[in-house]
């Protein structure tokens, strides 16, 4: 469900009616810039990338009837663990005239600093969009950033409270999280 939700956000930015229309030869093939914070760009290439996060997004697009190569292509880039590179990468993608950029993690801040006006889709950012300066408010974001946030700090506090009530004798807690890569 999450991949379809993200795909819907992404495609609403591209705003092309599809319905039962026949594909015309002149219909635009949208370019989706993808910025990964770490790892090799090779993990993001083509319709069958190795990045599980991108696989989920592409599957969501397929589920909605979009075809890689016919309706859209990805233009992948990686900051290769150096978040400071993401500003230059975003500027490069803007020069290439991509239609939208999908980005997560530490690379978000560099993309914001680039000052580009292309729509940016945050994927599961572990930052509060308002506190991070990506949106004026959750109700009225106001800028070119949209997408999903994993802002769960309030929920984490509540979960810890419930855990301490359930396991009152517990003195140490651990938390495991997957990378999605």
N, C-alpha and C. Protein backbone atom coordinates (compact mmCIF):
# COMPACT_ATOMS: atom_id res chain seq x y z
N UNK A 1 0.83 -1.18 0.00
CA UNK A 1 0.00 0.00 0.00
C UNK A 1 0.87 1.25 0.00
N UNK A 2 1.98 1.21 0.72
CA UNK A 2 2.87 2.36 0.80
C UNK A 2 3.45 2.70 -0.57
N UNK A 3 3.84 1.67 -1.35
CA UNK A 3 4.43 1.93 -2.66
C UNK A 3 3.40 2.55 -3.59
N UNK A 4 2.14 2.14 -3.50
CA UNK A 4 1.11 2.72 -4.34
C UNK A 4 0.85 4.16 -3.92
N UNK A 5 0.84 4.42 -2.61
CA UNK A 5 0.65 5.78 -2.13
C UNK A 5 1.73 6.71 -2.63
N UNK A 6 2.97 6.27 -2.58
CA UNK A 6 4.07 7.09 -3.06
C UNK A 6 3.97 7.28 -4.57
N UNK A 7 3.60 6.24 -5.28
CA UNK A 7 3.44 6.35 -6.73
C UNK A 7 2.34 7.34 -7.08
N UNK A 8 1.25 7.33 -6.32
CA UNK A 8 0.15 8.27 -6.56
C UNK A 8 0.62 9.71 -6.35
N UNK A 9 1.37 9.95 -5.28
CA UNK A 9 1.92 11.29 -5.04
C UNK A 9 2.80 11.70 -6.20
N UNK A 10 3.67 10.81 -6.62
CA UNK A 10 4.59 11.10 -7.71
C UNK A 10 3.83 11.42 -8.99
N UNK A 11 2.86 10.59 -9.32
CA UNK A 11 2.15 10.77 -10.57
C UNK A 11 1.20 11.96 -10.53
N UNK A 12 0.70 12.33 -9.35
CA UNK A 12 -0.14 13.52 -9.28
C UNK A 12 0.67 14.76 -9.63
N UNK A 13 1.97 14.71 -9.35
CA UNK A 13 2.84 15.83 -9.73
C UNK A 13 3.03 15.88 -11.24
N UNK A 14 3.04 14.74 -11.88
CA UNK A 14 3.20 14.71 -13.32
C UNK A 14 1.90 15.09 -14.03
N UNK A 15 0.76 14.89 -13.36
CA UNK A 15 -0.56 15.38 -13.76
C UNK A 15 -0.91 15.16 -15.24
N UNK A 16 -0.87 13.92 -15.67
CA UNK A 16 -1.30 13.59 -17.02
C UNK A 16 -2.49 12.65 -16.93
N UNK A 17 -3.62 13.00 -17.55
CA UNK A 17 -4.75 12.08 -17.53
C UNK A 17 -4.41 10.81 -18.29
N UNK A 18 -4.72 9.65 -17.70
CA UNK A 18 -4.42 8.38 -18.36
C UNK A 18 -5.72 7.65 -18.70
N UNK A 19 -6.48 7.29 -17.68
CA UNK A 19 -7.72 6.55 -17.87
C UNK A 19 -7.60 5.47 -18.90
N UNK A 20 -8.56 5.39 -19.81
CA UNK A 20 -8.55 4.38 -20.86
C UNK A 20 -8.00 4.92 -22.17
N UNK A 21 -7.30 6.05 -22.13
CA UNK A 21 -6.80 6.65 -23.35
C UNK A 21 -5.78 5.76 -24.04
N UNK A 22 -5.75 5.87 -25.35
CA UNK A 22 -4.76 5.16 -26.15
C UNK A 22 -3.46 5.92 -26.10
N UNK A 23 -2.37 5.21 -26.01
CA UNK A 23 -1.04 5.82 -25.98
C UNK A 23 -0.74 6.44 -27.33
N UNK A 24 -0.46 7.74 -27.37
CA UNK A 24 -0.11 8.37 -28.64
C UNK A 24 1.41 8.39 -28.80
N UNK A 25 1.84 8.49 -30.05
CA UNK A 25 3.27 8.49 -30.34
C UNK A 25 3.96 9.74 -29.80
N UNK A 26 3.20 10.83 -29.60
CA UNK A 26 3.81 12.09 -29.17
C UNK A 26 3.71 12.31 -27.67
N UNK A 27 3.13 11.37 -26.94
CA UNK A 27 2.98 11.55 -25.50
C UNK A 27 4.35 11.58 -24.83
N UNK A 28 4.48 12.48 -23.90
CA UNK A 28 5.75 12.68 -23.22
C UNK A 28 6.14 11.48 -22.35
N UNK A 29 7.41 11.15 -22.39
CA UNK A 29 7.97 10.15 -21.47
C UNK A 29 8.58 10.96 -20.33
N UNK A 30 8.01 10.83 -19.14
CA UNK A 30 8.46 11.61 -18.00
C UNK A 30 9.79 11.08 -17.47
N UNK A 31 10.62 12.01 -17.05
CA UNK A 31 11.91 11.66 -16.44
C UNK A 31 11.81 11.86 -14.93
N UNK A 32 12.04 10.80 -14.20
CA UNK A 32 12.00 10.84 -12.74
C UNK A 32 13.43 10.77 -12.23
N UNK A 33 13.93 11.87 -11.69
CA UNK A 33 15.25 11.87 -11.09
C UNK A 33 15.18 11.13 -9.76
N UNK A 34 16.14 10.27 -9.51
CA UNK A 34 16.17 9.51 -8.26
C UNK A 34 17.53 9.76 -7.61
N UNK A 35 17.50 10.27 -6.38
CA UNK A 35 18.76 10.51 -5.66
C UNK A 35 18.78 9.60 -4.44
N UNK A 36 19.80 8.78 -4.37
CA UNK A 36 20.02 7.87 -3.25
C UNK A 36 21.17 8.45 -2.42
N UNK A 37 21.06 8.40 -1.12
CA UNK A 37 22.09 8.97 -0.25
C UNK A 37 23.40 8.19 -0.27
N UNK A 38 23.29 6.88 -0.40
CA UNK A 38 24.50 6.05 -0.38
C UNK A 38 24.33 4.88 -1.34
N UNK A 39 25.40 4.15 -1.52
CA UNK A 39 25.36 3.02 -2.44
C UNK A 39 25.73 3.45 -3.84
N UNK A 40 25.80 2.49 -4.71
CA UNK A 40 26.21 2.74 -6.09
C UNK A 40 25.02 3.12 -6.95
N UNK A 41 25.24 4.05 -7.88
CA UNK A 41 24.19 4.44 -8.82
C UNK A 41 23.72 3.22 -9.61
N UNK A 42 24.59 2.27 -9.86
CA UNK A 42 24.23 1.06 -10.59
C UNK A 42 23.07 0.31 -9.97
N UNK A 43 22.85 0.48 -8.66
CA UNK A 43 21.74 -0.19 -7.98
C UNK A 43 20.39 0.43 -8.32
N UNK A 44 20.41 1.56 -9.02
CA UNK A 44 19.18 2.30 -9.32
C UNK A 44 18.80 2.28 -10.80
N UNK A 45 19.59 1.64 -11.62
CA UNK A 45 19.46 1.76 -13.07
C UNK A 45 18.38 0.84 -13.64
N UNK A 46 17.59 1.40 -14.57
CA UNK A 46 16.67 0.61 -15.38
C UNK A 46 15.38 0.20 -14.72
N UNK A 47 14.60 -0.62 -15.44
CA UNK A 47 13.29 -1.04 -14.96
C UNK A 47 13.36 -2.12 -13.87
N UNK A 48 14.52 -2.71 -13.66
CA UNK A 48 14.68 -3.74 -12.63
C UNK A 48 15.90 -3.44 -11.75
N UNK A 49 15.82 -2.34 -10.98
CA UNK A 49 16.98 -1.95 -10.16
C UNK A 49 17.20 -2.90 -8.99
N UNK A 50 18.38 -2.83 -8.40
CA UNK A 50 18.69 -3.65 -7.22
C UNK A 50 18.19 -3.01 -5.92
N UNK A 51 18.02 -1.70 -5.92
CA UNK A 51 17.53 -0.99 -4.73
C UNK A 51 16.08 -1.39 -4.46
N UNK A 52 15.83 -1.99 -3.31
CA UNK A 52 14.48 -2.44 -2.98
C UNK A 52 13.51 -1.28 -2.83
N UNK A 53 13.99 -0.13 -2.41
CA UNK A 53 13.13 1.04 -2.30
C UNK A 53 12.64 1.47 -3.68
N UNK A 54 13.54 1.52 -4.64
CA UNK A 54 13.16 1.89 -6.00
C UNK A 54 12.31 0.79 -6.65
N UNK A 55 12.60 -0.46 -6.36
CA UNK A 55 11.78 -1.57 -6.86
C UNK A 55 10.32 -1.36 -6.42
N UNK A 56 10.12 -0.98 -5.16
CA UNK A 56 8.76 -0.76 -4.64
C UNK A 56 8.08 0.39 -5.36
N UNK A 57 8.80 1.48 -5.60
CA UNK A 57 8.22 2.60 -6.33
C UNK A 57 7.83 2.19 -7.75
N UNK A 58 8.73 1.52 -8.45
CA UNK A 58 8.45 1.11 -9.83
C UNK A 58 7.28 0.12 -9.87
N UNK A 59 7.19 -0.75 -8.86
CA UNK A 59 6.07 -1.69 -8.80
C UNK A 59 4.77 -0.93 -8.60
N UNK A 60 4.79 0.10 -7.75
CA UNK A 60 3.60 0.93 -7.56
C UNK A 60 3.17 1.61 -8.85
N UNK A 61 4.13 2.09 -9.62
CA UNK A 61 3.82 2.70 -10.91
C UNK A 61 3.24 1.67 -11.88
N UNK A 62 3.83 0.47 -11.90
CA UNK A 62 3.30 -0.60 -12.76
C UNK A 62 1.87 -0.97 -12.36
N UNK A 63 1.64 -1.04 -11.03
CA UNK A 63 0.30 -1.37 -10.55
C UNK A 63 -0.74 -0.36 -11.01
N UNK A 64 -0.30 0.86 -11.24
CA UNK A 64 -1.20 1.92 -11.72
C UNK A 64 -1.26 2.00 -13.24
N UNK A 65 -0.57 1.09 -13.92
CA UNK A 65 -0.65 1.01 -15.37
C UNK A 65 0.43 1.76 -16.13
N UNK A 66 1.42 2.27 -15.44
CA UNK A 66 2.50 2.99 -16.11
C UNK A 66 3.60 2.02 -16.50
N UNK A 67 4.19 2.25 -17.66
CA UNK A 67 5.18 1.34 -18.21
C UNK A 67 6.53 2.06 -18.31
N UNK A 68 7.55 1.43 -17.71
CA UNK A 68 8.90 1.98 -17.77
C UNK A 68 9.35 2.02 -19.23
N UNK A 69 9.87 3.16 -19.65
CA UNK A 69 10.33 3.30 -21.03
C UNK A 69 9.28 3.87 -21.96
N UNK A 70 8.01 3.65 -21.65
CA UNK A 70 6.94 4.20 -22.48
C UNK A 70 6.33 5.44 -21.84
N UNK A 71 6.02 5.37 -20.52
CA UNK A 71 5.43 6.51 -19.82
C UNK A 71 6.46 7.31 -19.02
N UNK A 72 7.49 6.62 -18.55
CA UNK A 72 8.49 7.27 -17.71
C UNK A 72 9.80 6.51 -17.77
N UNK A 73 10.86 7.19 -17.41
CA UNK A 73 12.18 6.58 -17.18
C UNK A 73 12.75 7.19 -15.92
N UNK A 74 13.71 6.52 -15.33
CA UNK A 74 14.38 7.09 -14.16
C UNK A 74 15.75 7.61 -14.59
N UNK A 75 16.18 8.65 -13.89
CA UNK A 75 17.51 9.22 -14.10
C UNK A 75 18.19 9.12 -12.73
N UNK A 76 18.89 8.01 -12.49
CA UNK A 76 19.42 7.74 -11.15
C UNK A 76 20.75 8.42 -10.86
N UNK A 77 20.91 8.80 -9.60
CA UNK A 77 22.17 9.36 -9.11
C UNK A 77 22.33 8.92 -7.65
N UNK A 78 23.58 8.81 -7.21
CA UNK A 78 23.86 8.49 -5.82
C UNK A 78 24.85 9.51 -5.26
N UNK A 79 24.60 9.92 -4.02
CA UNK A 79 25.54 10.81 -3.33
C UNK A 79 26.71 9.99 -2.77
N UNK A 80 26.62 8.67 -2.89
CA UNK A 80 27.67 7.74 -2.49
C UNK A 80 28.17 7.99 -1.07
N UNK A 81 27.21 8.23 -0.17
CA UNK A 81 27.54 8.42 1.24
C UNK A 81 28.06 9.82 1.58
N UNK A 82 28.07 10.70 0.61
CA UNK A 82 28.54 12.07 0.86
C UNK A 82 27.38 13.02 0.61
N UNK A 83 26.59 13.25 1.66
CA UNK A 83 25.37 14.05 1.55
C UNK A 83 25.61 15.42 0.95
N UNK A 84 26.81 15.96 1.14
CA UNK A 84 27.12 17.29 0.59
C UNK A 84 27.05 17.31 -0.94
N UNK A 85 27.15 16.16 -1.59
CA UNK A 85 27.07 16.07 -3.05
C UNK A 85 25.64 16.22 -3.57
N UNK A 86 24.65 16.05 -2.71
CA UNK A 86 23.27 16.02 -3.18
C UNK A 86 22.81 17.35 -3.77
N UNK A 87 23.35 18.46 -3.31
CA UNK A 87 22.99 19.76 -3.88
C UNK A 87 23.44 19.83 -5.34
N UNK A 88 24.68 19.42 -5.61
CA UNK A 88 25.19 19.42 -6.99
C UNK A 88 24.42 18.42 -7.87
N UNK A 89 24.05 17.29 -7.29
CA UNK A 89 23.29 16.29 -8.05
C UNK A 89 21.92 16.84 -8.42
N UNK A 90 21.26 17.52 -7.46
CA UNK A 90 19.95 18.10 -7.74
C UNK A 90 20.05 19.16 -8.83
N UNK A 91 21.11 19.97 -8.78
CA UNK A 91 21.32 20.99 -9.81
C UNK A 91 21.54 20.35 -11.18
N UNK A 92 22.30 19.25 -11.20
CA UNK A 92 22.53 18.52 -12.45
C UNK A 92 21.22 17.98 -13.00
N UNK A 93 20.39 17.38 -12.14
CA UNK A 93 19.10 16.84 -12.59
C UNK A 93 18.19 17.96 -13.11
N UNK A 94 18.26 19.13 -12.49
CA UNK A 94 17.47 20.27 -12.97
C UNK A 94 17.94 20.69 -14.36
N UNK A 95 19.27 20.69 -14.58
CA UNK A 95 19.81 21.01 -15.91
C UNK A 95 19.35 19.99 -16.95
N UNK A 96 19.21 18.74 -16.53
CA UNK A 96 18.74 17.69 -17.44
C UNK A 96 17.22 17.78 -17.67
N UNK A 97 16.58 18.67 -16.95
CA UNK A 97 15.14 18.93 -17.08
C UNK A 97 14.27 17.72 -16.71
N UNK A 98 14.65 17.04 -15.61
CA UNK A 98 13.78 15.97 -15.13
C UNK A 98 12.48 16.61 -14.67
N UNK A 99 11.41 15.83 -14.65
CA UNK A 99 10.09 16.35 -14.29
C UNK A 99 9.85 16.37 -12.79
N UNK A 100 10.48 15.46 -12.08
CA UNK A 100 10.31 15.34 -10.64
C UNK A 100 11.55 14.63 -10.10
N UNK A 101 11.86 14.89 -8.83
CA UNK A 101 12.98 14.21 -8.18
C UNK A 101 12.46 13.46 -6.96
N UNK A 102 12.85 12.21 -6.83
CA UNK A 102 12.51 11.39 -5.67
C UNK A 102 13.78 11.24 -4.85
N UNK A 103 13.70 11.55 -3.55
CA UNK A 103 14.90 11.55 -2.71
C UNK A 103 14.53 11.23 -1.27
N UNK A 104 15.47 10.62 -0.55
CA UNK A 104 15.25 10.31 0.86
C UNK A 104 16.54 10.52 1.64
N UNK A 105 16.41 10.46 2.94
CA UNK A 105 17.57 10.48 3.82
C UNK A 105 18.33 11.79 3.84
N UNK A 106 19.60 11.71 4.21
CA UNK A 106 20.42 12.91 4.35
C UNK A 106 20.53 13.74 3.07
N UNK A 107 20.30 13.13 1.92
CA UNK A 107 20.38 13.86 0.66
C UNK A 107 19.30 14.93 0.55
N UNK A 108 18.21 14.80 1.31
CA UNK A 108 17.13 15.78 1.27
C UNK A 108 17.62 17.20 1.55
N UNK A 109 18.49 17.34 2.53
CA UNK A 109 18.93 18.68 2.93
C UNK A 109 19.74 19.35 1.82
N UNK A 110 20.57 18.60 1.13
CA UNK A 110 21.34 19.15 0.02
C UNK A 110 20.45 19.54 -1.14
N UNK A 111 19.42 18.73 -1.39
CA UNK A 111 18.48 19.04 -2.46
C UNK A 111 17.76 20.35 -2.12
N UNK A 112 17.39 20.50 -0.86
CA UNK A 112 16.74 21.74 -0.43
C UNK A 112 17.68 22.93 -0.62
N UNK A 113 18.93 22.76 -0.26
CA UNK A 113 19.91 23.85 -0.39
C UNK A 113 20.16 24.23 -1.85
N UNK A 114 19.92 23.33 -2.77
CA UNK A 114 20.18 23.63 -4.18
C UNK A 114 19.27 24.73 -4.71
N UNK A 115 18.11 24.89 -4.10
CA UNK A 115 17.18 25.94 -4.51
C UNK A 115 16.46 25.70 -5.82
N UNK A 116 16.47 24.47 -6.31
CA UNK A 116 15.79 24.17 -7.58
C UNK A 116 14.28 24.22 -7.38
N UNK A 117 13.54 24.44 -8.47
CA UNK A 117 12.08 24.57 -8.39
C UNK A 117 11.33 23.34 -8.88
N UNK A 118 12.02 22.27 -9.16
CA UNK A 118 11.40 21.04 -9.62
C UNK A 118 10.65 20.41 -8.44
N UNK A 119 9.50 19.78 -8.68
CA UNK A 119 8.83 19.07 -7.59
C UNK A 119 9.73 17.98 -7.00
N UNK A 120 9.78 17.93 -5.67
CA UNK A 120 10.61 16.96 -4.95
C UNK A 120 9.68 16.06 -4.14
N UNK A 121 9.84 14.76 -4.30
CA UNK A 121 9.06 13.80 -3.52
C UNK A 121 9.98 13.17 -2.49
N UNK A 122 9.67 13.41 -1.20
CA UNK A 122 10.43 12.80 -0.10
C UNK A 122 9.89 11.39 0.10
N UNK A 123 10.78 10.42 0.20
CA UNK A 123 10.33 9.05 0.43
C UNK A 123 10.76 8.60 1.81
N UNK A 124 9.81 8.55 2.70
CA UNK A 124 10.08 8.04 4.03
C UNK A 124 11.17 8.78 4.76
N UNK A 125 11.17 10.08 4.69
CA UNK A 125 12.19 10.88 5.38
C UNK A 125 12.03 10.74 6.88
N UNK A 126 13.13 10.54 7.56
CA UNK A 126 13.10 10.40 9.02
C UNK A 126 13.27 11.77 9.67
N UNK A 127 12.57 12.75 9.11
CA UNK A 127 12.65 14.10 9.62
C UNK A 127 11.26 14.71 9.56
N UNK A 128 10.96 15.56 10.51
CA UNK A 128 9.71 16.31 10.49
C UNK A 128 9.80 17.32 9.35
N UNK A 129 8.93 17.26 8.34
CA UNK A 129 9.04 18.16 7.19
C UNK A 129 8.98 19.64 7.55
N UNK A 130 8.22 19.98 8.59
CA UNK A 130 8.11 21.38 9.00
C UNK A 130 9.39 21.81 9.71
N UNK A 131 9.84 21.03 10.69
CA UNK A 131 11.07 21.38 11.41
C UNK A 131 12.28 21.35 10.50
N UNK A 132 12.28 20.48 9.49
CA UNK A 132 13.39 20.40 8.55
C UNK A 132 13.37 21.50 7.50
N UNK A 133 12.30 22.30 7.47
CA UNK A 133 12.21 23.40 6.52
C UNK A 133 11.74 22.99 5.14
N UNK A 134 11.18 21.79 5.00
CA UNK A 134 10.70 21.32 3.71
C UNK A 134 9.26 21.74 3.43
N UNK A 135 8.52 22.10 4.48
CA UNK A 135 7.13 22.50 4.34
C UNK A 135 6.81 23.58 5.37
N UNK A 136 5.93 24.50 4.98
CA UNK A 136 5.50 25.56 5.90
C UNK A 136 4.64 24.94 7.01
N UNK A 137 3.76 24.02 6.64
CA UNK A 137 2.95 23.27 7.61
C UNK A 137 2.53 21.98 6.93
N UNK A 138 2.07 21.02 7.70
CA UNK A 138 1.61 19.77 7.10
C UNK A 138 0.33 19.98 6.31
N UNK A 139 -0.52 20.89 6.76
CA UNK A 139 -1.78 21.16 6.06
C UNK A 139 -1.56 21.95 4.77
N UNK A 140 -0.57 22.84 4.77
CA UNK A 140 -0.28 23.69 3.61
C UNK A 140 1.23 23.75 3.40
N UNK A 141 1.79 22.74 2.74
CA UNK A 141 3.25 22.67 2.60
C UNK A 141 3.87 23.91 1.96
N UNK A 142 3.27 24.42 0.89
CA UNK A 142 3.69 25.68 0.32
C UNK A 142 4.92 25.68 -0.58
N UNK A 143 5.75 24.69 -0.56
CA UNK A 143 6.96 24.69 -1.38
C UNK A 143 6.89 23.57 -2.41
N UNK A 144 8.03 23.21 -2.98
CA UNK A 144 8.05 22.17 -4.00
C UNK A 144 8.32 20.78 -3.42
N UNK A 145 8.31 20.64 -2.10
CA UNK A 145 8.50 19.33 -1.46
C UNK A 145 7.15 18.73 -1.08
N UNK A 146 7.02 17.43 -1.33
CA UNK A 146 5.84 16.68 -0.92
C UNK A 146 6.31 15.26 -0.63
N UNK A 147 5.41 14.37 -0.29
CA UNK A 147 5.80 12.98 -0.10
C UNK A 147 5.48 12.45 1.27
N UNK A 148 6.33 11.52 1.70
CA UNK A 148 6.09 10.80 2.95
C UNK A 148 7.21 11.05 3.94
N UNK A 149 6.80 11.11 5.20
CA UNK A 149 7.77 11.29 6.27
C UNK A 149 7.59 10.16 7.27
N UNK A 150 8.67 9.76 7.84
CA UNK A 150 8.61 8.76 8.92
C UNK A 150 8.66 9.47 10.26
N UNK A 151 8.10 10.66 10.30
CA UNK A 151 8.13 11.43 11.53
C UNK A 151 7.30 10.67 12.57
N UNK A 152 7.98 9.93 13.35
CA UNK A 152 7.29 9.06 14.30
C UNK A 152 7.80 9.26 15.72
N UNK A 153 8.42 10.39 15.94
CA UNK A 153 9.01 10.63 17.26
C UNK A 153 7.95 10.63 18.35
N UNK A 154 6.79 11.24 18.09
CA UNK A 154 5.71 11.22 19.08
C UNK A 154 5.23 9.79 19.30
N UNK A 155 5.12 9.03 18.23
CA UNK A 155 4.69 7.64 18.37
C UNK A 155 5.73 6.82 19.12
N UNK A 156 7.01 7.09 18.89
CA UNK A 156 8.06 6.36 19.60
C UNK A 156 7.93 6.57 21.10
N UNK A 157 7.68 7.81 21.50
CA UNK A 157 7.49 8.08 22.94
C UNK A 157 6.32 7.30 23.50
N UNK A 158 5.21 7.28 22.74
CA UNK A 158 4.02 6.57 23.19
C UNK A 158 4.29 5.07 23.24
N UNK A 159 4.99 4.54 22.25
CA UNK A 159 5.32 3.11 22.27
C UNK A 159 6.18 2.75 23.47
N UNK A 160 7.15 3.60 23.77
CA UNK A 160 8.01 3.36 24.92
C UNK A 160 7.20 3.42 26.21
N UNK A 161 6.27 4.36 26.30
CA UNK A 161 5.41 4.46 27.47
C UNK A 161 4.59 3.18 27.63
N UNK A 162 3.99 2.71 26.53
CA UNK A 162 3.21 1.47 26.60
C UNK A 162 4.07 0.27 26.95
N UNK A 163 5.28 0.21 26.40
CA UNK A 163 6.19 -0.89 26.70
C UNK A 163 6.55 -0.91 28.18
N UNK A 164 6.82 0.26 28.74
CA UNK A 164 7.18 0.30 30.18
C UNK A 164 5.99 -0.06 31.05
N UNK A 165 4.78 0.22 30.58
CA UNK A 165 3.59 -0.20 31.34
C UNK A 165 3.38 -1.70 31.25
N UNK A 166 3.62 -2.27 30.07
CA UNK A 166 3.41 -3.70 29.87
C UNK A 166 4.50 -4.51 30.55
N UNK A 167 5.74 -4.10 30.37
CA UNK A 167 6.89 -4.82 30.93
C UNK A 167 7.55 -3.94 31.99
N UNK A 168 6.85 -3.73 33.08
CA UNK A 168 7.31 -2.78 34.11
C UNK A 168 8.67 -3.14 34.70
N UNK A 169 9.07 -4.40 34.65
CA UNK A 169 10.36 -4.80 35.19
C UNK A 169 11.52 -4.59 34.22
N UNK A 170 11.21 -4.23 33.00
CA UNK A 170 12.24 -4.06 31.97
C UNK A 170 13.02 -2.76 32.19
N UNK A 171 14.35 -2.86 32.14
CA UNK A 171 15.20 -1.68 32.33
C UNK A 171 15.95 -1.27 31.05
N UNK A 172 16.01 -2.17 30.06
CA UNK A 172 16.72 -1.89 28.81
C UNK A 172 15.83 -2.25 27.64
N UNK A 173 15.75 -1.38 26.65
CA UNK A 173 14.96 -1.62 25.44
C UNK A 173 15.87 -1.53 24.24
N UNK A 174 15.52 -2.24 23.20
CA UNK A 174 16.26 -2.15 21.93
C UNK A 174 15.27 -1.85 20.82
N UNK A 175 15.79 -1.32 19.74
CA UNK A 175 14.97 -0.98 18.59
C UNK A 175 15.69 -1.41 17.33
N UNK A 176 15.03 -2.20 16.48
CA UNK A 176 15.61 -2.65 15.22
C UNK A 176 14.87 -1.98 14.07
N UNK A 177 15.59 -1.49 13.09
CA UNK A 177 14.96 -0.87 11.93
C UNK A 177 15.65 -1.37 10.68
N UNK A 178 14.88 -1.60 9.63
CA UNK A 178 15.44 -2.02 8.35
C UNK A 178 15.87 -0.82 7.53
N UNK A 179 16.84 -1.03 6.66
CA UNK A 179 17.34 0.07 5.82
C UNK A 179 16.52 0.25 4.55
N UNK A 180 15.79 -0.74 4.11
CA UNK A 180 15.02 -0.66 2.88
C UNK A 180 15.86 -0.75 1.62
N UNK A 181 17.15 -1.00 1.76
CA UNK A 181 18.03 -1.05 0.59
C UNK A 181 18.17 -2.45 0.06
